[in-house]
Amino acid sequence: DTITSEQATFRVELVTDGLEFPWGMAFLPDGDMLITERDGR
């Protein structure tokens, strides 16, 4: 669905679910991502 804001129109896409209380993320040079889960993963 298109969302219209003050300066741009955009849509929201789900990349993945199944993360337990994720806290932080970082991108690797190849485009992969690291994501922390608060419980220790």
Full PDB file with SEQRES, HELIX, SHEET, SSBOND, CRYST1, ORIGX, SCALE, CONECT and MASTER records, all heavy atoms in Angstrom:
SEQRES   1 A   41  ASP THR ILE THR SER GLU GLN ALA THR PHE ARG VAL GLU          
SEQRES   2 A   41  LEU VAL THR ASP GLY LEU GLU PHE PRO TRP GLY MET ALA          
SEQRES   3 A   41  PHE LEU PRO ASP GLY ASP MET LEU ILE THR GLU ARG ASP          
SEQRES   4 A   41  GLY ARG                                                      
SHEET    1 AA1 2 ILE A   3  THR A   4  0                                        
SHEET    2 AA1 2 THR A   9  PHE A  10 -1                                        
SHEET    1 AA2 2 PRO A  22  PHE A  27  0                                        
SHEET    2 AA2 2 MET A  33  GLU A  37 -1                                        
CRYST1    1.000    1.000    1.000  90.00  90.00  90.00 P 1           1          
ORIGX1      1.000000  0.000000  0.000000        0.00000                         
ORIGX2      0.000000  1.000000  0.000000        0.00000                         
ORIGX3      0.000000  0.000000  1.000000        0.00000                         
SCALE1      1.000000  0.000000  0.000000        0.00000                         
SCALE2      0.000000  1.000000  0.000000        0.00000                         
SCALE3      0.000000  0.000000  1.000000        0.00000                         
ATOM      1  N   ASP A   1       0.835  -1.198   0.000  1.00  0.00           N  
ATOM      2  CA  ASP A   1       0.000   0.000   0.000  1.00  0.00           C  
ATOM      3  C   ASP A   1       0.872   1.251   0.000  1.00  0.00           C  
ATOM      4  O   ASP A   1       1.907   1.306   0.674  1.00  0.00           O  
ATOM      5  CB  ASP A   1      -0.917   0.021   1.222  1.00  0.00           C  
ATOM      6  CG  ASP A   1      -2.206  -0.739   0.988  1.00  0.00           C  
ATOM      7  OD1 ASP A   1      -2.231  -1.537   0.044  1.00  0.00           O  
ATOM      8  OD2 ASP A   1      -3.163  -0.526   1.750  1.00  0.00           O  
ATOM      9  N   THR A   2       0.452   2.261  -0.721  1.00  0.00           N  
ATOM     10  CA  THR A   2       1.194   3.517  -0.793  1.00  0.00           C  
ATOM     11  C   THR A   2       0.832   4.397   0.386  1.00  0.00           C  
ATOM     12  O   THR A   2      -0.343   4.591   0.709  1.00  0.00           O  
ATOM     13  CB  THR A   2       0.887   4.248  -2.102  1.00  0.00           C  
ATOM     14  OG1 THR A   2       1.353   3.456  -3.199  1.00  0.00           O  
ATOM     15  CG2 THR A   2       1.575   5.606  -2.144  1.00  0.00           C  
ATOM     16  N   ILE A   3       1.846   4.920   1.036  1.00  0.00           N  
ATOM     17  CA  ILE A   3       1.670   5.860   2.139  1.00  0.00           C  
ATOM     18  C   ILE A   3       2.221   7.202   1.686  1.00  0.00           C  
ATOM     19  O   ILE A   3       3.347   7.289   1.188  1.00  0.00           O  
ATOM     20  CB  ILE A   3       2.403   5.368   3.396  1.00  0.00           C  
ATOM     21  CG1 ILE A   3       1.824   4.031   3.848  1.00  0.00           C  
ATOM     22  CG2 ILE A   3       2.307   6.394   4.522  1.00  0.00           C  
ATOM     23  CD1 ILE A   3       2.618   3.351   4.933  1.00  0.00           C  
ATOM     24  N   THR A   4       1.432   8.237   1.842  1.00  0.00           N  
ATOM     25  CA  THR A   4       1.841   9.572   1.430  1.00  0.00           C  
ATOM     26  C   THR A   4       2.213  10.384   2.664  1.00  0.00           C  
ATOM     27  O   THR A   4       1.401  10.563   3.574  1.00  0.00           O  
ATOM     28  CB  THR A   4       0.722  10.278   0.655  1.00  0.00           C  
ATOM     29  OG1 THR A   4       0.391   9.498  -0.498  1.00  0.00           O  
ATOM     30  CG2 THR A   4       1.164  11.665   0.213  1.00  0.00           C  
ATOM     31  N   SER A   5       3.448  10.850   2.714  1.00  0.00           N  
ATOM     32  CA  SER A   5       3.904  11.701   3.804  1.00  0.00           C  
ATOM     33  C   SER A   5       4.093  13.118   3.279  1.00  0.00           C  
ATOM     34  O   SER A   5       3.747  13.426   2.126  1.00  0.00           O  
ATOM     35  CB  SER A   5       5.217  11.160   4.381  1.00  0.00           C  
ATOM     36  OG  SER A   5       6.259  11.257   3.422  1.00  0.00           O  
ATOM     37  N   GLU A   6       4.652  13.987   4.094  1.00  0.00           N  
ATOM     38  CA  GLU A   6       4.788  15.379   3.692  1.00  0.00           C  
ATOM     39  C   GLU A   6       5.699  15.545   2.477  1.00  0.00           C  
ATOM     40  O   GLU A   6       5.483  16.434   1.649  1.00  0.00           O  
ATOM     41  CB  GLU A   6       5.337  16.212   4.855  1.00  0.00           C  
ATOM     42  CG  GLU A   6       4.367  16.371   6.013  1.00  0.00           C  
ATOM     43  CD  GLU A   6       4.980  17.133   7.171  1.00  0.00           C  
ATOM     44  OE1 GLU A   6       6.131  17.610   7.033  1.00  0.00           O  
ATOM     45  OE2 GLU A   6       4.314  17.271   8.214  1.00  0.00           O  
ATOM     46  N   GLN A   7       6.728  14.699   2.389  1.00  0.00           N  
ATOM     47  CA  GLN A   7       7.726  14.904   1.343  1.00  0.00           C  
ATOM     48  C   GLN A   7       7.938  13.700   0.431  1.00  0.00           C  
ATOM     49  O   GLN A   7       8.688  13.805  -0.539  1.00  0.00           O  
ATOM     50  CB  GLN A   7       9.068  15.308   1.980  1.00  0.00           C  
ATOM     51  CG  GLN A   7       9.035  16.656   2.689  1.00  0.00           C  
ATOM     52  CD  GLN A   7      10.417  17.075   3.160  1.00  0.00           C  
ATOM     53  OE1 GLN A   7      11.356  16.292   3.152  1.00  0.00           O  
ATOM     54  NE2 GLN A   7      10.531  18.314   3.587  1.00  0.00           N  
ATOM     55  N   ALA A   8       7.356  12.581   0.737  1.00  0.00           N  
ATOM     56  CA  ALA A   8       7.624  11.390  -0.065  1.00  0.00           C  
ATOM     57  C   ALA A   8       6.443  10.439   0.017  1.00  0.00           C  
ATOM     58  O   ALA A   8       5.643  10.480   0.958  1.00  0.00           O  
ATOM     59  CB  ALA A   8       8.894  10.692   0.422  1.00  0.00           C  
ATOM     60  N   THR A   9       6.332   9.574  -0.977  1.00  0.00           N  
ATOM     61  CA  THR A   9       5.395   8.459  -0.923  1.00  0.00           C  
ATOM     62  C   THR A   9       6.205   7.173  -0.853  1.00  0.00           C  
ATOM     63  O   THR A   9       7.259   7.042  -1.474  1.00  0.00           O  
ATOM     64  CB  THR A   9       4.476   8.431  -2.143  1.00  0.00           C  
ATOM     65  OG1 THR A   9       5.269   8.351  -3.330  1.00  0.00           O  
ATOM     66  CG2 THR A   9       3.603   9.673  -2.199  1.00  0.00           C  
ATOM     67  N   PHE A  10       5.726   6.223  -0.061  1.00  0.00           N  
ATOM     68  CA  PHE A  10       6.499   5.007   0.169  1.00  0.00           C  
ATOM     69  C   PHE A  10       5.577   3.857   0.510  1.00  0.00           C  
ATOM     70  O   PHE A  10       4.380   4.025   0.738  1.00  0.00           O  
ATOM     71  CB  PHE A  10       7.522   5.231   1.295  1.00  0.00           C  
ATOM     72  CG  PHE A  10       6.923   5.586   2.625  1.00  0.00           C  
ATOM     73  CD1 PHE A  10       6.560   4.601   3.546  1.00  0.00           C  
ATOM     74  CD2 PHE A  10       6.720   6.923   2.990  1.00  0.00           C  
ATOM     75  CE1 PHE A  10       6.020   4.920   4.779  1.00  0.00           C  
ATOM     76  CE2 PHE A  10       6.182   7.259   4.220  1.00  0.00           C  
ATOM     77  CZ  PHE A  10       5.829   6.258   5.115  1.00  0.00           C  
ATOM     78  N   ARG A  11       6.173   2.668   0.570  1.00  0.00           N  
ATOM     79  CA  ARG A  11       5.467   1.495   1.044  1.00  0.00           C  
ATOM     80  C   ARG A  11       6.341   0.792   2.075  1.00  0.00           C  
ATOM     81  O   ARG A  11       7.557   0.992   2.102  1.00  0.00           O  
ATOM     82  CB  ARG A  11       5.148   0.546  -0.109  1.00  0.00           C  
ATOM     83  CG  ARG A  11       6.346  -0.078  -0.781  1.00  0.00           C  
ATOM     84  CD  ARG A  11       5.930  -1.017  -1.917  1.00  0.00           C  
ATOM     85  NE  ARG A  11       7.083  -1.713  -2.479  1.00  0.00           N  
ATOM     86  CZ  ARG A  11       7.824  -1.252  -3.479  1.00  0.00           C  
ATOM     87  NH1 ARG A  11       7.534  -0.078  -4.026  1.00  0.00           N  
ATOM     88  NH2 ARG A  11       8.846  -1.949  -3.936  1.00  0.00           N  
ATOM     89  N   VAL A  12       5.715  -0.012   2.913  1.00  0.00           N  
ATOM     90  CA  VAL A  12       6.425  -0.780   3.941  1.00  0.00           C  
ATOM     91  C   VAL A  12       6.444  -2.235   3.538  1.00  0.00           C  
ATOM     92  O   VAL A  12       5.395  -2.810   3.192  1.00  0.00           O  
ATOM     93  CB  VAL A  12       5.768  -0.606   5.322  1.00  0.00           C  
ATOM     94  CG1 VAL A  12       6.465  -1.484   6.360  1.00  0.00           C  
ATOM     95  CG2 VAL A  12       5.807   0.848   5.756  1.00  0.00           C  
ATOM     96  N   GLU A  13       7.625  -2.846   3.562  1.00  0.00           N  
ATOM     97  CA  GLU A  13       7.774  -4.246   3.180  1.00  0.00           C  
ATOM     98  C   GLU A  13       8.350  -5.039   4.355  1.00  0.00           C  
ATOM     99  O   GLU A  13       9.289  -4.580   5.005  1.00  0.00           O  
ATOM    100  CB  GLU A  13       8.724  -4.369   1.990  1.00  0.00           C  
ATOM    101  CG  GLU A  13       8.263  -3.606   0.761  1.00  0.00           C  
ATOM    102  CD  GLU A  13       9.304  -3.595  -0.344  1.00  0.00           C  
ATOM    103  OE1 GLU A  13      10.494  -3.864  -0.053  1.00  0.00           O  
ATOM    104  OE2 GLU A  13       8.935  -3.305  -1.490  1.00  0.00           O  
ATOM    105  N   LEU A  14       7.775  -6.196   4.619  1.00  0.00           N  
ATOM    106  CA  LEU A  14       8.320  -7.095   5.621  1.00  0.00           C  
ATOM    107  C   LEU A  14       9.474  -7.873   5.012  1.00  0.00           C  
ATOM    108  O   LEU A  14       9.303  -8.578   4.015  1.00  0.00           O  
ATOM    109  CB  LEU A  14       7.248  -8.055   6.127  1.00  0.00           C  
ATOM    110  CG  LEU A  14       7.722  -9.127   7.123  1.00  0.00           C  
ATOM    111  CD1 LEU A  14       8.168  -8.488   8.432  1.00  0.00           C  
ATOM    112  CD2 LEU A  14       6.614 -10.154   7.374  1.00  0.00           C  
ATOM    113  N   VAL A  15      10.648  -7.765   5.615  1.00  0.00           N  
ATOM    114  CA  VAL A  15      11.807  -8.536   5.169  1.00  0.00           C  
ATOM    115  C   VAL A  15      11.797  -9.914   5.824  1.00  0.00           C  
ATOM    116  O   VAL A  15      11.915 -10.935   5.174  1.00  0.00           O  
ATOM    117  CB  VAL A  15      13.120  -7.797   5.479  1.00  0.00           C  
ATOM    118  CG1 VAL A  15      14.332  -8.619   5.031  1.00  0.00           C  
ATOM    119  CG2 VAL A  15      13.127  -6.426   4.812  1.00  0.00           C  
ATOM    120  N   THR A  16      11.651  -9.921   7.147  1.00  0.00           N  
ATOM    121  CA  THR A  16      11.559 -11.188   7.873  1.00  0.00           C  
ATOM    122  C   THR A  16      10.919 -10.943   9.227  1.00  0.00           C  
ATOM    123  O   THR A  16      11.032  -9.854   9.798  1.00  0.00           O  
ATOM    124  CB  THR A  16      12.935 -11.845   8.061  1.00  0.00           C  
ATOM    125  OG1 THR A  16      12.760 -13.155   8.641  1.00  0.00           O  
ATOM    126  CG2 THR A  16      13.834 -11.038   8.971  1.00  0.00           C  
ATOM    127  N   ASP A  17      10.235 -11.943   9.737  1.00  0.00           N  
ATOM    128  CA  ASP A  17       9.763 -11.907  11.114  1.00  0.00           C  
ATOM    129  C   ASP A  17      10.494 -12.998  11.881  1.00  0.00           C  
ATOM    130  O   ASP A  17      11.534 -13.492  11.447  1.00  0.00           O  
ATOM    131  CB  ASP A  17       8.245 -12.039  11.192  1.00  0.00           C  
ATOM    132  CG  ASP A  17       7.718 -13.268  10.453  1.00  0.00           C  
ATOM    133  OD1 ASP A  17       8.536 -14.133  10.077  1.00  0.00           O  
ATOM    134  OD2 ASP A  17       6.494 -13.365  10.267  1.00  0.00           O  
ATOM    135  N   GLY A  18       9.960 -13.393  13.039  1.00  0.00           N  
ATOM    136  CA  GLY A  18      10.581 -14.468  13.804  1.00  0.00           C  
ATOM    137  C   GLY A  18      11.775 -14.041  14.629  1.00  0.00           C  
ATOM    138  O   GLY A  18      12.559 -14.889  15.072  1.00  0.00           O  
ATOM    139  N   LEU A  19      11.922 -12.738  14.881  1.00  0.00           N  
ATOM    140  CA  LEU A  19      13.010 -12.226  15.716  1.00  0.00           C  
ATOM    141  C   LEU A  19      12.477 -11.969  17.126  1.00  0.00           C  
ATOM    142  O   LEU A  19      11.439 -11.319  17.295  1.00  0.00           O  
ATOM    143  CB  LEU A  19      13.565 -10.931  15.130  1.00  0.00           C  
ATOM    144  CG  LEU A  19      14.252 -11.061  13.769  1.00  0.00           C  
ATOM    145  CD1 LEU A  19      14.364  -9.700  13.101  1.00  0.00           C  
ATOM    146  CD2 LEU A  19      15.637 -11.685  13.943  1.00  0.00           C  
ATOM    147  N   GLU A  20      13.171 -12.468  18.131  1.00  0.00           N  
ATOM    148  CA  GLU A  20      12.706 -12.335  19.511  1.00  0.00           C  
ATOM    149  C   GLU A  20      13.330 -11.096  20.155  1.00  0.00           C  
ATOM    150  O   GLU A  20      14.509 -11.062  20.470  1.00  0.00           O  
ATOM    151  CB  GLU A  20      13.071 -13.575  20.327  1.00  0.00           C  
ATOM    152  CG  GLU A  20      12.496 -13.537  21.741  1.00  0.00           C  
ATOM    153  CD  GLU A  20      12.763 -14.823  22.499  1.00  0.00           C  
ATOM    154  OE1 GLU A  20      13.147 -15.829  21.870  1.00  0.00           O  
ATOM    155  OE2 GLU A  20      12.585 -14.818  23.737  1.00  0.00           O  
ATOM    156  N   PHE A  21      12.516 -10.058  20.320  1.00  0.00           N  
ATOM    157  CA  PHE A  21      12.953  -8.780  20.879  1.00  0.00           C  
ATOM    158  C   PHE A  21      14.276  -8.320  20.250  1.00  0.00           C  
ATOM    159  O   PHE A  21      15.287  -8.167  20.931  1.00  0.00           O  
ATOM    160  CB  PHE A  21      13.086  -8.856  22.396  1.00  0.00           C  
ATOM    161  CG  PHE A  21      11.775  -9.022  23.114  1.00  0.00           C  
ATOM    162  CD1 PHE A  21      11.467 -10.206  23.757  1.00  0.00           C  
ATOM    163  CD2 PHE A  21      10.839  -7.998  23.127  1.00  0.00           C  
ATOM    164  CE1 PHE A  21      10.249 -10.369  24.410  1.00  0.00           C  
ATOM    165  CE2 PHE A  21       9.622  -8.140  23.777  1.00  0.00           C  
ATOM    166  CZ  PHE A  21       9.329  -9.331  24.421  1.00  0.00           C  
ATOM    167  N   PRO A  22      14.284  -8.080  18.948  1.00  0.00           N  
ATOM    168  CA  PRO A  22      15.518  -7.577  18.322  1.00  0.00           C  
ATOM    169  C   PRO A  22      15.852  -6.189  18.840  1.00  0.00           C  
ATOM    170  O   PRO A  22      14.961  -5.398  19.175  1.00  0.00           O  
ATOM    171  CB  PRO A  22      15.165  -7.559  16.834  1.00  0.00           C  
ATOM    172  CG  PRO A  22      13.677  -7.397  16.796  1.00  0.00           C  
ATOM    173  CD  PRO A  22      13.172  -8.159  17.983  1.00  0.00           C  
ATOM    174  N   TRP A  23      17.162  -5.858  18.883  1.00  0.00           N  
ATOM    175  CA  TRP A  23      17.589  -4.593  19.482  1.00  0.00           C  
ATOM    176  C   TRP A  23      18.437  -3.741  18.534  1.00  0.00           C  
ATOM    177  O   TRP A  23      18.261  -2.545  18.444  1.00  0.00           O  
ATOM    178  CB  TRP A  23      18.370  -4.874  20.765  1.00  0.00           C  
ATOM    179  CG  TRP A  23      18.265  -3.795  21.790  1.00  0.00           C  
ATOM    180  CD1 TRP A  23      17.353  -3.716  22.818  1.00  0.00           C  
ATOM    181  CD2 TRP A  23      19.099  -2.635  21.919  1.00  0.00           C  
ATOM    182  NE1 TRP A  23      17.571  -2.575  23.572  1.00  0.00           N  
ATOM    183  CE2 TRP A  23      18.636  -1.907  23.045  1.00  0.00           C  
ATOM    184  CE3 TRP A  23      20.181  -2.140  21.210  1.00  0.00           C  
ATOM    185  CZ2 TRP A  23      19.218  -0.704  23.461  1.00  0.00           C  
ATOM    186  CZ3 TRP A  23      20.770  -0.947  21.621  1.00  0.00           C  
ATOM    187  CH2 TRP A  23      20.291  -0.240  22.735  1.00  0.00           C  
ATOM    188  N   GLY A  24      19.389  -4.346  17.851  1.00  0.00           N  
ATOM    189  CA  GLY A  24      20.274  -3.570  16.988  1.00  0.00           C  
ATOM    190  C   GLY A  24      20.563  -4.318  15.700  1.00  0.00           C  
ATOM    191  O   GLY A  24      20.375  -5.535  15.603  1.00  0.00           O  
ATOM    192  N   MET A  25      21.039  -3.579  14.695  1.00  0.00           N  
ATOM    193  CA  MET A  25      21.364  -4.208  13.408  1.00  0.00           C  
ATOM    194  C   MET A  25      22.541  -3.492  12.771  1.00  0.00           C  
ATOM    195  O   MET A  25      22.794  -2.311  13.027  1.00  0.00           O  
ATOM    196  CB  MET A  25      20.156  -4.199  12.470  1.00  0.00           C  
ATOM    197  CG  MET A  25      19.545  -2.842  12.217  1.00  0.00           C  
ATOM    198  SD  MET A  25      18.112  -2.951  11.096  1.00  0.00           S  
ATOM    199  CE  MET A  25      17.202  -1.466  11.588  1.00  0.00           C  
ATOM    200  N   ALA A  26      23.251  -4.230  11.937  1.00  0.00           N  
ATOM    201  CA  ALA A  26      24.391  -3.682  11.200  1.00  0.00           C  
ATOM    202  C   ALA A  26      24.468  -4.385   9.856  1.00  0.00           C  
ATOM    203  O   ALA A  26      24.207  -5.592   9.751  1.00  0.00           O  
ATOM    204  CB  ALA A  26      25.684  -3.873  11.981  1.00  0.00           C  
ATOM    205  N   PHE A  27      24.843  -3.637   8.838  1.00  0.00           N  
ATOM    206  CA  PHE A  27      24.963  -4.186   7.491  1.00  0.00           C  
ATOM    207  C   PHE A  27      26.401  -4.606   7.218  1.00  0.00           C  
ATOM    208  O   PHE A  27      27.350  -3.877   7.535  1.00  0.00           O  
ATOM    209  CB  PHE A  27      24.542  -3.150   6.449  1.00  0.00           C  
ATOM    210  CG  PHE A  27      23.069  -2.874   6.439  1.00  0.00           C  
ATOM    211  CD1 PHE A  27      22.530  -1.885   7.243  1.00  0.00           C  
ATOM    212  CD2 PHE A  27      22.219  -3.618   5.640  1.00  0.00           C  
ATOM    213  CE1 PHE A  27      21.166  -1.628   7.245  1.00  0.00           C  
ATOM    214  CE2 PHE A  27      20.852  -3.377   5.636  1.00  0.00           C  
ATOM    215  CZ  PHE A  27      20.324  -2.375   6.443  1.00  0.00           C  
ATOM    216  N   LEU A  28      26.556  -5.780   6.630  1.00  0.00           N  
ATOM    217  CA  LEU A  28      27.853  -6.262   6.195  1.00  0.00           C  
ATOM    218  C   LEU A  28      28.141  -5.759   4.777  1.00  0.00           C  
ATOM    219  O   LEU A  28      27.212  -5.379   4.049  1.00  0.00           O  
ATOM    220  CB  LEU A  28      27.885  -7.786   6.243  1.00  0.00           C  
ATOM    221  CG  LEU A  28      27.644  -8.400   7.627  1.00  0.00           C  
ATOM    222  CD1 LEU A  28      27.575  -9.920   7.527  1.00  0.00           C  
ATOM    223  CD2 LEU A  28      28.710  -7.965   8.614  1.00  0.00           C  
ATOM    224  N   PRO A  29      29.396  -5.745   4.363  1.00  0.00           N  
ATOM    225  CA  PRO A  29      29.721  -5.212   3.035  1.00  0.00           C  
ATOM    226  C   PRO A  29      28.997  -5.897   1.880  1.00  0.00           C  
ATOM    227  O   PRO A  29      28.758  -5.274   0.839  1.00  0.00           O  
ATOM    228  CB  PRO A  29      31.241  -5.430   2.942  1.00  0.00           C  
ATOM    229  CG  PRO A  29      31.711  -5.416   4.360  1.00  0.00           C  
ATOM    230  CD  PRO A  29      30.611  -6.072   5.132  1.00  0.00           C  
ATOM    231  N   ASP A  30      28.633  -7.170   2.053  1.00  0.00           N  
ATOM    232  CA  ASP A  30      27.953  -7.881   0.968  1.00  0.00           C  
ATOM    233  C   ASP A  30      26.443  -7.682   0.978  1.00  0.00           C  
ATOM    234  O   ASP A  30      25.723  -8.297   0.179  1.00  0.00           O  
ATOM    235  CB  ASP A  30      28.282  -9.371   1.011  1.00  0.00           C  
ATOM    236  CG  ASP A  30      27.817 -10.047   2.308  1.00  0.00           C  
ATOM    237  OD1 ASP A  30      27.193  -9.364   3.155  1.00  0.00           O  
ATOM    238  OD2 ASP A  30      28.092 -11.247   2.478  1.00  0.00           O  
ATOM    239  N   GLY A  31      25.938  -6.829   1.890  1.00  0.00           N  
ATOM    240  CA  GLY A  31      24.510  -6.566   1.972  1.00  0.00           C  
ATOM    241  C   GLY A  31      23.777  -7.417   2.973  1.00  0.00           C  
ATOM    242  O   GLY A  31      22.599  -7.155   3.268  1.00  0.00           O  
ATOM    243  N   ASP A  32      24.412  -8.471   3.503  1.00  0.00           N  
ATOM    244  CA  ASP A  32      23.801  -9.239   4.586  1.00  0.00           C  
ATOM    245  C   ASP A  32      23.704  -8.368   5.842  1.00  0.00           C  
ATOM    246  O   ASP A  32      24.350  -7.318   5.940  1.00  0.00           O  
ATOM    247  CB  ASP A  32      24.617 -10.493   4.889  1.00  0.00           C  
ATOM    248  CG  ASP A  32      24.502 -11.538   3.794  1.00  0.00           C  
ATOM    249  OD1 ASP A  32      23.666 -11.366   2.886  1.00  0.00           O  
ATOM    250  OD2 ASP A  32      25.267 -12.525   3.831  1.00  0.00           O  
ATOM    251  N   MET A  33      22.928  -8.839   6.818  1.00  0.00           N  
ATOM    252  CA  MET A  33      22.708  -8.063   8.036  1.00  0.00           C  
ATOM    253  C   MET A  33      22.959  -8.920   9.270  1.00  0.00           C  
ATOM    254  O   MET A  33      22.658 -10.116   9.284  1.00  0.00           O  
ATOM    255  CB  MET A  33      21.267  -7.547   8.090  1.00  0.00           C  
ATOM    256  CG  MET A  33      20.881  -6.599   7.003  1.00  0.00           C  
ATOM    257  SD  MET A  33      19.142  -6.125   7.152  1.00  0.00           S  
ATOM    258  CE  MET A  33      19.168  -5.222   8.698  1.00  0.00           C  
ATOM    259  N   LEU A  34      23.476  -8.264  10.297  1.00  0.00           N  
ATOM    260  CA  LEU A  34      23.553  -8.843  11.632  1.00  0.00           C  
ATOM    261  C   LEU A  34      22.492  -8.171  12.503  1.00  0.00           C  
ATOM    262  O   LEU A  34      22.356  -6.947  12.479  1.00  0.00           O  
ATOM    263  CB  LEU A  34      24.936  -8.631  12.247  1.00  0.00           C  
ATOM    264  CG  LEU A  34      26.114  -9.269  11.510  1.00  0.00           C  
ATOM    265  CD1 LEU A  34      27.423  -8.879  12.191  1.00  0.00           C  
ATOM    266  CD2 LEU A  34      25.966 -10.784  11.450  1.00  0.00           C  
ATOM    267  N   ILE A  35      21.763  -8.971  13.263  1.00  0.00           N  
ATOM    268  CA  ILE A  35      20.717  -8.459  14.148  1.00  0.00           C  
ATOM    269  C   ILE A  35      20.885  -9.104  15.515  1.00  0.00           C  
ATOM    270  O   ILE A  35      21.062 -10.322  15.623  1.00  0.00           O  
ATOM    271  CB  ILE A  35      19.308  -8.753  13.591  1.00  0.00           C  
ATOM    272  CG1 ILE A  35      19.099  -8.021  12.258  1.00  0.00           C  
ATOM    273  CG2 ILE A  35      18.230  -8.351  14.594  1.00  0.00           C  
ATOM    274  CD1 ILE A  35      17.761  -8.312  11.612  1.00  0.00           C  
ATOM    275  N   THR A  36      20.842  -8.294  16.563  1.00  0.00           N  
ATOM    276  CA  THR A  36      20.896  -8.824  17.922  1.00  0.00           C  
ATOM    277  C   THR A  36      19.496  -9.089  18.447  1.00  0.00           C  
ATOM    278  O   THR A  36      18.552  -8.356  18.138  1.00  0.00           O  
ATOM    279  CB  THR A  36      21.582  -7.838  18.881  1.00  0.00           C  
ATOM    280  OG1 THR A  36      20.882  -6.572  18.864  1.00  0.00           O  
ATOM    281  CG2 THR A  36      23.034  -7.616  18.488  1.00  0.00           C  
ATOM    282  N   GLU A  37      19.361 -10.156  19.215  1.00  0.00           N  
ATOM    283  CA  GLU A  37      18.158 -10.419  19.987  1.00  0.00           C  
ATOM    284  C   GLU A  37      18.520 -10.283  21.464  1.00  0.00           C  
ATOM    285  O   GLU A  37      19.543 -10.807  21.906  1.00  0.00           O  
ATOM    286  CB  GLU A  37      17.619 -11.818  19.708  1.00  0.00           C  
ATOM    287  CG  GLU A  37      17.101 -11.985  18.281  1.00  0.00           C  
ATOM    288  CD  GLU A  37      16.627 -13.405  18.015  1.00  0.00           C  
ATOM    289  OE1 GLU A  37      17.336 -14.353  18.406  1.00  0.00           O  
ATOM    290  OE2 GLU A  37      15.550 -13.561  17.422  1.00  0.00           O  
ATOM    291  N   ARG A  38      17.669  -9.581  22.200  1.00  0.00           N  
ATOM    292  CA  ARG A  38      18.033  -9.192  23.559  1.00  0.00           C  
ATOM    293  C   ARG A  38      18.356 -10.384  24.458  1.00  0.00           C  
ATOM    294  O   ARG A  38      19.162 -10.275  25.394  1.00  0.00           O  
ATOM    295  CB  ARG A  38      16.920  -8.339  24.171  1.00  0.00           C  
ATOM    296  CG  ARG A  38      17.361  -7.571  25.405  1.00  0.00           C  
ATOM    297  CD  ARG A  38      16.408  -6.451  25.755  1.00  0.00           C  
ATOM    298  NE  ARG A  38      15.048  -6.905  25.917  1.00  0.00           N  
ATOM    299  CZ  ARG A  38      14.015  -6.384  25.262  1.00  0.00           C  
ATOM    300  NH1 ARG A  38      14.195  -5.433  24.381  1.00  0.00           N  
ATOM    301  NH2 ARG A  38      12.788  -6.822  25.492  1.00  0.00           N  
ATOM    302  N   ASP A  39      17.783 -11.534  24.188  1.00  0.00           N  
ATOM    303  CA  ASP A  39      18.004 -12.684  25.051  1.00  0.00           C  
ATOM    304  C   ASP A  39      19.390 -13.290  24.884  1.00  0.00           C  
ATOM    305  O   ASP A  39      19.774 -14.172  25.645  1.00  0.00           O  
ATOM    306  CB  ASP A  39      16.926 -13.747  24.785  1.00  0.00           C  
ATOM    307  CG  ASP A  39      16.660 -14.600  26.010  1.00  0.00           C  
ATOM    308  OD1 ASP A  39      16.745 -14.068  27.129  1.00  0.00           O  
ATOM    309  OD2 ASP A  39      16.371 -15.794  25.848  1.00  0.00           O  
ATOM    310  N   GLY A  40      20.154 -12.852  23.871  1.00  0.00           N  
ATOM    311  CA  GLY A  40      21.536 -13.308  23.768  1.00  0.00           C  
ATOM    312  C   GLY A  40      21.939 -13.928  22.456  1.00  0.00           C  
ATOM    313  O   GLY A  40      22.991 -14.554  22.372  1.00  0.00           O  
ATOM    314  N   ARG A  41      21.119 -13.766  21.417  1.00  0.00           N  
ATOM    315  CA  ARG A  41      21.439 -14.361  20.124  1.00  0.00           C  
ATOM    316  C   ARG A  41      21.813 -13.287  19.105  1.00  0.00           C  
ATOM    317  O   ARG A  41      21.216 -12.208  19.083  1.00  0.00           O  
ATOM    318  CB  ARG A  41      20.259 -15.175  19.591  1.00  0.00           C  
ATOM    319  CG  ARG A  41      19.997 -16.473  20.346  1.00  0.00           C  
ATOM    320  CD  ARG A  41      18.716 -17.137  19.872  1.00  0.00           C  
ATOM    321  NE  ARG A  41      17.564 -16.312  20.207  1.00  0.00           N  
ATOM    322  CZ  ARG A  41      16.916 -16.363  21.364  1.00  0.00           C  
ATOM    323  NH1 ARG A  41      17.321 -17.203  22.303  1.00  0.00           N  
ATOM    324  NH2 ARG A  41      15.887 -15.591  21.598  1.00  0.00           N  
TER     325      ARG A  41                                                      
MASTER        0    0    0    0    4    0    0    6  324    1    0    4          
END                                                                             
